[in-house]
Amino acid sequence: DEVEEEEELGYAEGAAESYSTEQRKPKVIFMMGGPGSGKALQCERMEDRFGLRRVTLGDLLCSELQSHSDRGRHLRDVLERGEQLPEV
């Protein structure tokens, strides 16, 4: 398994080098699963092995709430009223 993963990683790295920096897009991997399914552990392993950065929904929400933007104030008001956050 490790050999296959290293080969896949090597291919991905080689492919990325053929593009100019203007065309390169960030790689995004969505990790989904129920509570206790091992998402955090798998994310930690991918961070260590592939140099990825984990961003959780909680991280995004905290950042938005701390930004003092219109959206952040709206979300804070919704949370203070005990309502469910909007999906969009």
Protein backbone atom coordinates (compact mmCIF):
# COMPACT_ATOMS: atom_id res chain seq x y z
CA ASP A 1 0.00 0.00 0.00
CA GLU A 2 2.77 2.44 0.89
CA VAL A 3 4.53 1.89 -2.42
CA GLU A 4 1.32 2.59 -4.33
CA GLU A 5 0.72 5.74 -2.28
CA GLU A 6 4.28 6.95 -2.92
CA GLU A 7 3.92 6.28 -6.63
CA GLU A 8 0.63 8.17 -6.71
CA LEU A 9 2.19 11.05 -4.79
CA GLY A 10 5.17 11.12 -7.15
CA TYR A 11 2.85 11.22 -10.13
CA ALA A 12 0.86 14.06 -8.59
CA GLU A 13 4.01 16.02 -7.83
CA GLY A 14 5.39 15.52 -11.34
CA ALA A 15 2.08 16.54 -12.87
CA ALA A 16 1.94 19.69 -10.78
CA GLU A 17 5.38 20.76 -11.99
CA SER A 18 4.21 20.79 -15.60
CA TYR A 19 1.71 23.58 -14.87
CA SER A 20 2.66 27.20 -14.40
CA THR A 21 1.98 28.65 -10.96
CA GLU A 22 -0.90 30.69 -12.37
CA GLN A 23 -2.75 27.53 -13.44
CA ARG A 24 -2.19 25.55 -10.24
CA LYS A 25 -5.19 25.20 -8.00
CA PRO A 26 -5.11 24.14 -4.35
CA LYS A 27 -5.90 20.51 -3.69
CA VAL A 28 -9.00 20.07 -1.58
CA ILE A 29 -9.97 16.82 0.09
CA PHE A 30 -13.27 16.57 1.92
CA MET A 31 -13.23 14.20 4.90
CA MET A 32 -16.68 13.13 6.02
CA GLY A 33 -17.95 10.67 8.57
CA GLY A 34 -19.93 10.34 11.72
CA PRO A 35 -18.69 11.03 15.24
CA GLY A 36 -16.00 8.55 16.26
CA SER A 37 -15.36 7.39 12.69
CA GLY A 38 -11.67 8.37 12.74
CA LYS A 39 -11.82 11.55 10.67
CA ALA A 40 -9.46 13.46 12.96
CA LEU A 41 -6.90 10.65 13.02
CA GLN A 42 -6.93 10.28 9.24
CA CYS A 43 -6.61 14.05 8.81
CA GLU A 44 -3.62 14.13 11.18
CA ARG A 45 -1.94 11.35 9.22
CA MET A 46 -2.51 13.14 5.91
CA GLU A 47 -1.19 16.39 7.40
CA ASP A 48 1.98 14.66 8.54
CA ARG A 49 2.54 12.55 5.45
CA PHE A 50 1.53 14.89 2.66
CA GLY A 51 1.98 18.32 4.25
CA LEU A 52 -1.70 19.16 4.04
CA ARG A 53 -3.54 21.61 6.28
CA ARG A 54 -6.79 20.68 7.97
CA VAL A 55 -9.58 23.24 8.13
CA THR A 56 -12.68 22.25 10.06
CA LEU A 57 -16.13 23.76 9.87
CA GLY A 58 -15.58 24.97 13.43
CA ASP A 59 -12.36 26.73 12.34
CA LEU A 60 -14.21 28.50 9.54
CA LEU A 61 -17.08 29.51 11.81
CA CYS A 62 -14.76 30.88 14.52
CA SER A 63 -12.78 32.82 11.94
CA GLU A 64 -15.94 34.36 10.51
CA LEU A 65 -17.28 35.25 13.97
CA GLN A 66 -14.00 36.95 14.89
CA SER A 67 -13.78 38.89 11.62
CA HIS A 68 -16.44 41.43 12.68
CA SER A 69 -17.80 41.33 9.12
CA ASP A 70 -21.49 41.70 8.30
CA ARG A 71 -21.70 37.94 7.87
CA GLY A 72 -19.93 37.38 11.20
CA ARG A 73 -22.36 39.70 13.02
CA HIS A 74 -25.32 37.97 11.37
CA LEU A 75 -24.05 34.52 12.39
CA ARG A 76 -23.40 35.72 15.95
CA ASP A 77 -26.97 37.06 16.17
CA VAL A 78 -28.38 33.76 14.90
CA LEU A 79 -26.33 31.78 17.42
CA GLU A 80 -27.28 34.08 20.30
CA ARG A 81 -30.96 33.55 19.47
CA GLY A 82 -30.36 29.80 19.58
CA GLU A 83 -31.42 29.32 15.98
CA GLN A 84 -29.91 26.93 13.45
CA LEU A 85 -27.22 28.43 11.21
CA PRO A 86 -28.15 29.00 7.57
CA GLU A 87 -26.87 26.47 5.04
CA VAL A 88 -25.50 29.08 2.64
